[in-house]
Full PDB file with SEQRES, HELIX, SHEET, SSBOND, CRYST1, ORIGX, SCALE, CONECT and MASTER records, all heavy atoms in Angstrom:
SEQRES   1 A   36  LEU THR ILE LEU VAL GLY GLN LEU PRO LYS LEU PHE GLY          
SEQRES   2 A   36  PHE SER VAL ASP GLY ASP GLY LEU PHE ALA GLU ALA ALA          
SEQRES   3 A   36  GLY PHE ALA ARG GLY VAL ALA ALA GLY GLU                      
HELIX    1 AA1 THR A    2  PHE A   12  1                                  11    
HELIX    2 AA2 LEU A   21  ALA A   33  1                                  13    
CRYST1    1.000    1.000    1.000  90.00  90.00  90.00 P 1           1          
ORIGX1      1.000000  0.000000  0.000000        0.00000                         
ORIGX2      0.000000  1.000000  0.000000        0.00000                         
ORIGX3      0.000000  0.000000  1.000000        0.00000                         
SCALE1      1.000000  0.000000  0.000000        0.00000                         
SCALE2      0.000000  1.000000  0.000000        0.00000                         
SCALE3      0.000000  0.000000  1.000000        0.00000                         
ATOM      1  N   LEU A   1     -23.529 -50.064  71.731  1.00  0.00           N  
ATOM      2  CA  LEU A   1     -22.689 -49.329  70.764  1.00  0.00           C  
ATOM      3  C   LEU A   1     -22.040 -50.321  69.774  1.00  0.00           C  
ATOM      4  O   LEU A   1     -21.972 -50.035  68.546  1.00  0.00           O  
ATOM      5  CB  LEU A   1     -21.553 -48.595  71.525  1.00  0.00           C  
ATOM      6  CG  LEU A   1     -20.596 -47.770  70.663  1.00  0.00           C  
ATOM      7  CD1 LEU A   1     -21.316 -46.688  69.875  1.00  0.00           C  
ATOM      8  CD2 LEU A   1     -19.523 -47.111  71.591  1.00  0.00           C  
ATOM      9  N   THR A   2     -21.578 -51.449  70.226  1.00  0.00           N  
ATOM     10  CA  THR A   2     -20.973 -52.519  69.360  1.00  0.00           C  
ATOM     11  C   THR A   2     -21.992 -52.950  68.309  1.00  0.00           C  
ATOM     12  O   THR A   2     -21.602 -53.108  67.097  1.00  0.00           O  
ATOM     13  CB  THR A   2     -20.517 -53.689  70.198  1.00  0.00           C  
ATOM     14  OG1 THR A   2     -19.585 -53.276  71.210  1.00  0.00           O  
ATOM     15  CG2 THR A   2     -19.893 -54.730  69.307  1.00  0.00           C  
ATOM     16  N   ILE A   3     -23.224 -53.196  68.722  1.00  0.00           N  
ATOM     17  CA  ILE A   3     -24.259 -53.615  67.751  1.00  0.00           C  
ATOM     18  C   ILE A   3     -24.590 -52.534  66.712  1.00  0.00           C  
ATOM     19  O   ILE A   3     -24.620 -52.722  65.509  1.00  0.00           O  
ATOM     20  CB  ILE A   3     -25.556 -53.989  68.490  1.00  0.00           C  
ATOM     21  CG1 ILE A   3     -25.355 -55.238  69.325  1.00  0.00           C  
ATOM     22  CG2 ILE A   3     -26.709 -54.261  67.487  1.00  0.00           C  
ATOM     23  CD1 ILE A   3     -26.495 -55.537  70.273  1.00  0.00           C  
ATOM     24  N   LEU A   4     -24.687 -51.309  67.175  1.00  0.00           N  
ATOM     25  CA  LEU A   4     -24.986 -50.184  66.369  1.00  0.00           C  
ATOM     26  C   LEU A   4     -23.922 -50.040  65.261  1.00  0.00           C  
ATOM     27  O   LEU A   4     -24.225 -49.921  64.107  1.00  0.00           O  
ATOM     28  CB  LEU A   4     -25.087 -48.834  67.157  1.00  0.00           C  
ATOM     29  CG  LEU A   4     -25.286 -47.585  66.383  1.00  0.00           C  
ATOM     30  CD1 LEU A   4     -26.542 -47.555  65.610  1.00  0.00           C  
ATOM     31  CD2 LEU A   4     -25.207 -46.348  67.391  1.00  0.00           C  
ATOM     32  N   VAL A   5     -22.697 -49.989  65.678  1.00  0.00           N  
ATOM     33  CA  VAL A   5     -21.578 -49.796  64.705  1.00  0.00           C  
ATOM     34  C   VAL A   5     -21.491 -50.969  63.777  1.00  0.00           C  
ATOM     35  O   VAL A   5     -21.272 -50.777  62.576  1.00  0.00           O  
ATOM     36  CB  VAL A   5     -20.253 -49.626  65.473  1.00  0.00           C  
ATOM     37  CG1 VAL A   5     -19.012 -49.627  64.505  1.00  0.00           C  
ATOM     38  CG2 VAL A   5     -20.250 -48.325  66.249  1.00  0.00           C  
ATOM     39  N   GLY A   6     -21.751 -52.154  64.280  1.00  0.00           N  
ATOM     40  CA  GLY A   6     -21.669 -53.415  63.432  1.00  0.00           C  
ATOM     41  C   GLY A   6     -22.769 -53.444  62.378  1.00  0.00           C  
ATOM     42  O   GLY A   6     -22.540 -54.003  61.292  1.00  0.00           O  
ATOM     43  N   GLN A   7     -23.937 -52.797  62.649  1.00  0.00           N  
ATOM     44  CA  GLN A   7     -25.039 -52.855  61.671  1.00  0.00           C  
ATOM     45  C   GLN A   7     -25.068 -51.656  60.712  1.00  0.00           C  
ATOM     46  O   GLN A   7     -25.803 -51.694  59.758  1.00  0.00           O  
ATOM     47  CB  GLN A   7     -26.312 -52.863  62.478  1.00  0.00           C  
ATOM     48  CG  GLN A   7     -26.578 -54.154  63.225  1.00  0.00           C  
ATOM     49  CD  GLN A   7     -26.708 -55.370  62.312  1.00  0.00           C  
ATOM     50  OE1 GLN A   7     -27.499 -55.439  61.407  1.00  0.00           O  
ATOM     51  NE2 GLN A   7     -25.860 -56.426  62.653  1.00  0.00           N  
ATOM     52  N   LEU A   8     -24.300 -50.681  60.977  1.00  0.00           N  
ATOM     53  CA  LEU A   8     -24.332 -49.488  60.079  1.00  0.00           C  
ATOM     54  C   LEU A   8     -23.926 -49.760  58.635  1.00  0.00           C  
ATOM     55  O   LEU A   8     -24.587 -49.300  57.721  1.00  0.00           O  
ATOM     56  CB  LEU A   8     -23.430 -48.378  60.648  1.00  0.00           C  
ATOM     57  CG  LEU A   8     -23.932 -47.565  61.801  1.00  0.00           C  
ATOM     58  CD1 LEU A   8     -22.910 -46.580  62.369  1.00  0.00           C  
ATOM     59  CD2 LEU A   8     -25.232 -46.821  61.418  1.00  0.00           C  
ATOM     60  N   PRO A   9     -22.906 -50.643  58.418  1.00  0.00           N  
ATOM     61  CA  PRO A   9     -22.622 -50.948  56.974  1.00  0.00           C  
ATOM     62  C   PRO A   9     -23.786 -51.586  56.282  1.00  0.00           C  
ATOM     63  O   PRO A   9     -24.055 -51.275  55.130  1.00  0.00           O  
ATOM     64  CB  PRO A   9     -21.372 -51.940  57.104  1.00  0.00           C  
ATOM     65  CG  PRO A   9     -20.727 -51.523  58.380  1.00  0.00           C  
ATOM     66  CD  PRO A   9     -21.874 -51.209  59.301  1.00  0.00           C  
ATOM     67  N   LYS A  10     -24.442 -52.567  56.906  1.00  0.00           N  
ATOM     68  CA  LYS A  10     -25.658 -53.113  56.342  1.00  0.00           C  
ATOM     69  C   LYS A  10     -26.665 -52.184  56.043  1.00  0.00           C  
ATOM     70  O   LYS A  10     -27.410 -52.234  55.055  1.00  0.00           O  
ATOM     71  CB  LYS A  10     -26.157 -54.325  57.179  1.00  0.00           C  
ATOM     72  CG  LYS A  10     -27.301 -55.115  56.587  1.00  0.00           C  
ATOM     73  CD  LYS A  10     -27.941 -56.058  57.516  1.00  0.00           C  
ATOM     74  CE  LYS A  10     -27.065 -57.189  57.880  1.00  0.00           C  
ATOM     75  NZ  LYS A  10     -27.790 -58.207  58.624  1.00  0.00           N  
ATOM     76  N   LEU A  11     -26.929 -51.209  56.904  1.00  0.00           N  
ATOM     77  CA  LEU A  11     -27.887 -50.177  56.757  1.00  0.00           C  
ATOM     78  C   LEU A  11     -27.559 -49.300  55.517  1.00  0.00           C  
ATOM     79  O   LEU A  11     -28.445 -48.854  54.800  1.00  0.00           O  
ATOM     80  CB  LEU A  11     -28.021 -49.264  57.991  1.00  0.00           C  
ATOM     81  CG  LEU A  11     -29.164 -48.301  58.046  1.00  0.00           C  
ATOM     82  CD1 LEU A  11     -30.409 -49.031  58.420  1.00  0.00           C  
ATOM     83  CD2 LEU A  11     -28.896 -47.239  59.186  1.00  0.00           C  
ATOM     84  N   PHE A  12     -26.274 -49.110  55.270  1.00  0.00           N  
ATOM     85  CA  PHE A  12     -25.817 -48.283  54.107  1.00  0.00           C  
ATOM     86  C   PHE A  12     -25.615 -49.123  52.861  1.00  0.00           C  
ATOM     87  O   PHE A  12     -25.279 -48.616  51.815  1.00  0.00           O  
ATOM     88  CB  PHE A  12     -24.460 -47.653  54.459  1.00  0.00           C  
ATOM     89  CG  PHE A  12     -24.691 -46.392  55.300  1.00  0.00           C  
ATOM     90  CD1 PHE A  12     -25.276 -46.414  56.523  1.00  0.00           C  
ATOM     91  CD2 PHE A  12     -24.294 -45.174  54.821  1.00  0.00           C  
ATOM     92  CE1 PHE A  12     -25.433 -45.278  57.301  1.00  0.00           C  
ATOM     93  CE2 PHE A  12     -24.394 -43.969  55.552  1.00  0.00           C  
ATOM     94  CZ  PHE A  12     -25.051 -44.033  56.785  1.00  0.00           C  
ATOM     95  N   GLY A  13     -25.862 -50.421  53.002  1.00  0.00           N  
ATOM     96  CA  GLY A  13     -25.866 -51.233  51.746  1.00  0.00           C  
ATOM     97  C   GLY A  13     -24.549 -51.870  51.309  1.00  0.00           C  
ATOM     98  O   GLY A  13     -24.391 -52.356  50.223  1.00  0.00           O  
ATOM     99  N   PHE A  14     -23.566 -51.907  52.282  1.00  0.00           N  
ATOM    100  CA  PHE A  14     -22.300 -52.595  51.944  1.00  0.00           C  
ATOM    101  C   PHE A  14     -21.796 -53.342  53.146  1.00  0.00           C  
ATOM    102  O   PHE A  14     -22.489 -53.379  54.223  1.00  0.00           O  
ATOM    103  CB  PHE A  14     -21.216 -51.589  51.468  1.00  0.00           C  
ATOM    104  CG  PHE A  14     -20.842 -50.565  52.505  1.00  0.00           C  
ATOM    105  CD1 PHE A  14     -19.810 -50.748  53.347  1.00  0.00           C  
ATOM    106  CD2 PHE A  14     -21.492 -49.270  52.550  1.00  0.00           C  
ATOM    107  CE1 PHE A  14     -19.454 -49.780  54.311  1.00  0.00           C  
ATOM    108  CE2 PHE A  14     -21.175 -48.362  53.511  1.00  0.00           C  
ATOM    109  CZ  PHE A  14     -20.118 -48.520  54.336  1.00  0.00           C  
ATOM    110  N   SER A  15     -20.696 -54.046  53.087  1.00  0.00           N  
ATOM    111  CA  SER A  15     -20.180 -54.819  54.154  1.00  0.00           C  
ATOM    112  C   SER A  15     -18.727 -54.459  54.343  1.00  0.00           C  
ATOM    113  O   SER A  15     -18.088 -53.864  53.487  1.00  0.00           O  
ATOM    114  CB  SER A  15     -20.276 -56.332  53.839  1.00  0.00           C  
ATOM    115  OG  SER A  15     -19.492 -56.672  52.648  1.00  0.00           O  
ATOM    116  N   VAL A  16     -18.228 -54.753  55.563  1.00  0.00           N  
ATOM    117  CA  VAL A  16     -16.878 -54.465  55.954  1.00  0.00           C  
ATOM    118  C   VAL A  16     -16.233 -55.700  56.554  1.00  0.00           C  
ATOM    119  O   VAL A  16     -16.919 -56.521  57.071  1.00  0.00           O  
ATOM    120  CB  VAL A  16     -16.780 -53.268  56.914  1.00  0.00           C  
ATOM    121  CG1 VAL A  16     -17.353 -51.975  56.302  1.00  0.00           C  
ATOM    122  CG2 VAL A  16     -17.428 -53.652  58.221  1.00  0.00           C  
ATOM    123  N   ASP A  17     -14.914 -55.771  56.479  1.00  0.00           N  
ATOM    124  CA  ASP A  17     -14.123 -56.772  57.141  1.00  0.00           C  
ATOM    125  C   ASP A  17     -13.524 -56.189  58.386  1.00  0.00           C  
ATOM    126  O   ASP A  17     -12.596 -55.293  58.209  1.00  0.00           O  
ATOM    127  CB  ASP A  17     -13.028 -57.436  56.255  1.00  0.00           C  
ATOM    128  CG  ASP A  17     -13.640 -58.216  55.075  1.00  0.00           C  
ATOM    129  OD1 ASP A  17     -14.668 -58.742  55.279  1.00  0.00           O  
ATOM    130  OD2 ASP A  17     -13.053 -58.154  53.982  1.00  0.00           O  
ATOM    131  N   GLY A  18     -13.993 -56.502  59.542  1.00  0.00           N  
ATOM    132  CA  GLY A  18     -13.421 -55.894  60.766  1.00  0.00           C  
ATOM    133  C   GLY A  18     -13.770 -56.814  61.978  1.00  0.00           C  
ATOM    134  O   GLY A  18     -14.915 -57.375  62.034  1.00  0.00           O  
ATOM    135  N   ASP A  19     -12.898 -56.885  62.943  1.00  0.00           N  
ATOM    136  CA  ASP A  19     -13.190 -57.626  64.116  1.00  0.00           C  
ATOM    137  C   ASP A  19     -13.092 -56.708  65.305  1.00  0.00           C  
ATOM    138  O   ASP A  19     -11.981 -56.249  65.671  1.00  0.00           O  
ATOM    139  CB  ASP A  19     -12.185 -58.822  64.224  1.00  0.00           C  
ATOM    140  CG  ASP A  19     -12.474 -59.655  65.479  1.00  0.00           C  
ATOM    141  OD1 ASP A  19     -13.580 -59.567  65.996  1.00  0.00           O  
ATOM    142  OD2 ASP A  19     -11.564 -60.420  65.878  1.00  0.00           O  
ATOM    143  N   GLY A  20     -14.231 -56.355  65.906  1.00  0.00           N  
ATOM    144  CA  GLY A  20     -14.145 -55.440  67.090  1.00  0.00           C  
ATOM    145  C   GLY A  20     -14.747 -54.135  66.716  1.00  0.00           C  
ATOM    146  O   GLY A  20     -14.804 -53.712  65.517  1.00  0.00           O  
ATOM    147  N   LEU A  21     -15.084 -53.401  67.721  1.00  0.00           N  
ATOM    148  CA  LEU A  21     -15.674 -52.028  67.556  1.00  0.00           C  
ATOM    149  C   LEU A  21     -14.907 -51.076  66.748  1.00  0.00           C  
ATOM    150  O   LEU A  21     -15.410 -50.545  65.788  1.00  0.00           O  
ATOM    151  CB  LEU A  21     -16.021 -51.503  69.003  1.00  0.00           C  
ATOM    152  CG  LEU A  21     -16.602 -50.131  68.975  1.00  0.00           C  
ATOM    153  CD1 LEU A  21     -17.985 -50.102  68.373  1.00  0.00           C  
ATOM    154  CD2 LEU A  21     -16.653 -49.574  70.427  1.00  0.00           C  
ATOM    155  N   PHE A  22     -13.645 -50.921  67.015  1.00  0.00           N  
ATOM    156  CA  PHE A  22     -12.825 -49.947  66.369  1.00  0.00           C  
ATOM    157  C   PHE A  22     -12.542 -50.320  64.891  1.00  0.00           C  
ATOM    158  O   PHE A  22     -12.579 -49.498  64.044  1.00  0.00           O  
ATOM    159  CB  PHE A  22     -11.550 -49.681  67.175  1.00  0.00           C  
ATOM    160  CG  PHE A  22     -11.793 -49.156  68.501  1.00  0.00           C  
ATOM    161  CD1 PHE A  22     -11.566 -49.899  69.626  1.00  0.00           C  
ATOM    162  CD2 PHE A  22     -12.211 -47.837  68.709  1.00  0.00           C  
ATOM    163  CE1 PHE A  22     -11.755 -49.464  70.902  1.00  0.00           C  
ATOM    164  CE2 PHE A  22     -12.442 -47.301  70.031  1.00  0.00           C  
ATOM    165  CZ  PHE A  22     -12.204 -48.144  71.067  1.00  0.00           C  
ATOM    166  N   ALA A  23     -12.344 -51.617  64.667  1.00  0.00           N  
ATOM    167  CA  ALA A  23     -12.050 -52.050  63.290  1.00  0.00           C  
ATOM    168  C   ALA A  23     -13.315 -51.892  62.486  1.00  0.00           C  
ATOM    169  O   ALA A  23     -13.189 -51.521  61.322  1.00  0.00           O  
ATOM    170  CB  ALA A  23     -11.625 -53.531  63.306  1.00  0.00           C  
ATOM    171  N   GLU A  24     -14.483 -52.194  63.011  1.00  0.00           N  
ATOM    172  CA  GLU A  24     -15.680 -52.046  62.243  1.00  0.00           C  
ATOM    173  C   GLU A  24     -16.033 -50.618  62.011  1.00  0.00           C  
ATOM    174  O   GLU A  24     -16.525 -50.256  60.937  1.00  0.00           O  
ATOM    175  CB  GLU A  24     -16.842 -52.775  63.011  1.00  0.00           C  
ATOM    176  CG  GLU A  24     -16.740 -54.301  63.028  1.00  0.00           C  
ATOM    177  CD  GLU A  24     -17.880 -54.934  63.759  1.00  0.00           C  
ATOM    178  OE1 GLU A  24     -18.551 -54.259  64.587  1.00  0.00           O  
ATOM    179  OE2 GLU A  24     -18.179 -56.125  63.430  1.00  0.00           O  
ATOM    180  N   ALA A  25     -15.780 -49.754  62.988  1.00  0.00           N  
ATOM    181  CA  ALA A  25     -16.036 -48.333  62.816  1.00  0.00           C  
ATOM    182  C   ALA A  25     -15.086 -47.767  61.785  1.00  0.00           C  
ATOM    183  O   ALA A  25     -15.550 -46.950  60.876  1.00  0.00           O  
ATOM    184  CB  ALA A  25     -15.819 -47.556  64.159  1.00  0.00           C  
ATOM    185  N   ALA A  26     -13.848 -48.157  61.765  1.00  0.00           N  
ATOM    186  CA  ALA A  26     -12.894 -47.680  60.781  1.00  0.00           C  
ATOM    187  C   ALA A  26     -13.291 -48.210  59.323  1.00  0.00           C  
ATOM    188  O   ALA A  26     -13.250 -47.432  58.375  1.00  0.00           O  
ATOM    189  CB  ALA A  26     -11.468 -48.113  61.100  1.00  0.00           C  
ATOM    190  N   GLY A  27     -13.753 -49.471  59.254  1.00  0.00           N  
ATOM    191  CA  GLY A  27     -14.163 -50.017  57.973  1.00  0.00           C  
ATOM    192  C   GLY A  27     -15.400 -49.311  57.473  1.00  0.00           C  
ATOM    193  O   GLY A  27     -15.515 -49.068  56.263  1.00  0.00           O  
ATOM    194  N   PHE A  28     -16.332 -48.973  58.383  1.00  0.00           N  
ATOM    195  CA  PHE A  28     -17.524 -48.226  57.895  1.00  0.00           C  
ATOM    196  C   PHE A  28     -17.127 -46.921  57.387  1.00  0.00           C  
ATOM    197  O   PHE A  28     -17.609 -46.465  56.320  1.00  0.00           O  
ATOM    198  CB  PHE A  28     -18.548 -48.089  59.107  1.00  0.00           C  
ATOM    199  CG  PHE A  28     -19.657 -47.234  58.837  1.00  0.00           C  
ATOM    200  CD1 PHE A  28     -20.639 -47.610  57.911  1.00  0.00           C  
ATOM    201  CD2 PHE A  28     -19.735 -46.010  59.489  1.00  0.00           C  
ATOM    202  CE1 PHE A  28     -21.740 -46.719  57.691  1.00  0.00           C  
ATOM    203  CE2 PHE A  28     -20.840 -45.163  59.260  1.00  0.00           C  
ATOM    204  CZ  PHE A  28     -21.778 -45.515  58.335  1.00  0.00           C  
ATOM    205  N   ALA A  29     -16.285 -46.188  58.081  1.00  0.00           N  
ATOM    206  CA  ALA A  29     -15.853 -44.813  57.652  1.00  0.00           C  
ATOM    207  C   ALA A  29     -15.190 -44.894  56.270  1.00  0.00           C  
ATOM    208  O   ALA A  29     -15.474 -44.074  55.392  1.00  0.00           O  
ATOM    209  CB  ALA A  29     -14.913 -44.251  58.738  1.00  0.00           C  
ATOM    210  N   ARG A  30     -14.282 -45.922  56.094  1.00  0.00           N  
ATOM    211  CA  ARG A  30     -13.648 -46.019  54.818  1.00  0.00           C  
ATOM    212  C   ARG A  30     -14.635 -46.421  53.682  1.00  0.00           C  
ATOM    213  O   ARG A  30     -14.571 -45.880  52.596  1.00  0.00           O  
ATOM    214  CB  ARG A  30     -12.560 -47.169  54.882  1.00  0.00           C  
ATOM    215  CG  ARG A  30     -11.372 -46.818  55.641  1.00  0.00           C  
ATOM    216  CD  ARG A  30     -10.255 -47.791  55.387  1.00  0.00           C  
ATOM    217  NE  ARG A  30     -10.641 -49.156  55.904  1.00  0.00           N  
ATOM    218  CZ  ARG A  30     -10.374 -49.593  57.040  1.00  0.00           C  
ATOM    219  NH1 ARG A  30      -9.684 -48.817  57.936  1.00  0.00           N  
ATOM    220  NH2 ARG A  30     -10.714 -50.816  57.433  1.00  0.00           N  
ATOM    221  N   GLY A  31     -15.621 -47.169  53.980  1.00  0.00           N  
ATOM    222  CA  GLY A  31     -16.658 -47.540  53.010  1.00  0.00           C  
ATOM    223  C   GLY A  31     -17.497 -46.348  52.567  1.00  0.00           C  
ATOM    224  O   GLY A  31     -17.718 -46.111  51.397  1.00  0.00           O  
ATOM    225  N   VAL A  32     -17.846 -45.509  53.516  1.00  0.00           N  
ATOM    226  CA  VAL A  32     -18.615 -44.331  53.212  1.00  0.00           C  
ATOM    227  C   VAL A  32     -17.788 -43.309  52.425  1.00  0.00           C  
ATOM    228  O   VAL A  32     -18.191 -42.740  51.398  1.00  0.00           O  
ATOM    229  CB  VAL A  32     -19.144 -43.621  54.508  1.00  0.00           C  
ATOM    230  CG1 VAL A  32     -19.784 -42.244  54.203  1.00  0.00           C  
ATOM    231  CG2 VAL A  32     -20.150 -44.519  55.205  1.00  0.00           C  
ATOM    232  N   ALA A  33     -16.467 -43.213  52.845  1.00  0.00           N  
ATOM    233  CA  ALA A  33     -15.584 -42.267  52.131  1.00  0.00           C  
ATOM    234  C   ALA A  33     -15.326 -42.717  50.726  1.00  0.00           C  
ATOM    235  O   ALA A  33     -15.152 -41.883  49.782  1.00  0.00           O  
ATOM    236  CB  ALA A  33     -14.279 -42.155  52.910  1.00  0.00           C  
ATOM    237  N   ALA A  34     -15.337 -44.052  50.488  1.00  0.00           N  
ATOM    238  CA  ALA A  34     -15.029 -44.602  49.143  1.00  0.00           C  
ATOM    239  C   ALA A  34     -16.223 -44.637  48.265  1.00  0.00           C  
ATOM    240  O   ALA A  34     -16.183 -45.073  47.121  1.00  0.00           O  
ATOM    241  CB  ALA A  34     -14.485 -46.038  49.293  1.00  0.00           C  
ATOM    242  N   GLY A  35     -17.384 -44.193  48.788  1.00  0.00           N  
ATOM    243  CA  GLY A  35     -18.580 -44.125  47.963  1.00  0.00           C  
ATOM    244  C   GLY A  35     -19.253 -45.448  47.797  1.00  0.00           C  
ATOM    245  O   GLY A  35     -19.982 -45.602  46.804  1.00  0.00           O  
ATOM    246  N   GLU A  36     -19.145 -46.345  48.773  1.00  0.00           N  
ATOM    247  CA  GLU A  36     -19.805 -47.638  48.628  1.00  0.00           C  
ATOM    248  C   GLU A  36     -21.247 -47.679  49.083  1.00  0.00           C  
ATOM    249  O   GLU A  36     -21.869 -48.664  48.916  1.00  0.00           O  
ATOM    250  CB  GLU A  36     -19.008 -48.673  49.511  1.00  0.00           C  
ATOM    251  CG  GLU A  36     -17.601 -48.962  49.025  1.00  0.00           C  
ATOM    252  CD  GLU A  36     -16.881 -49.997  49.856  1.00  0.00           C  
ATOM    253  OE1 GLU A  36     -17.553 -50.756  50.486  1.00  0.00           O  
ATOM    254  OE2 GLU A  36     -15.614 -49.971  49.914  1.00  0.00           O  
TER     255      GLU A  36                                                      
MASTER        0    0    0    2    0    0    0    6  254    1    0    3          
END                                                                             
């Protein structure tokens, strides 16, 4: 699960700043919501 969540931003074409599963999941959600 940690790997999957950590790779989702790269799959969607952007990057996030986050340390840990929950921070990376939140960063991914914000990136998608912001249209990145």
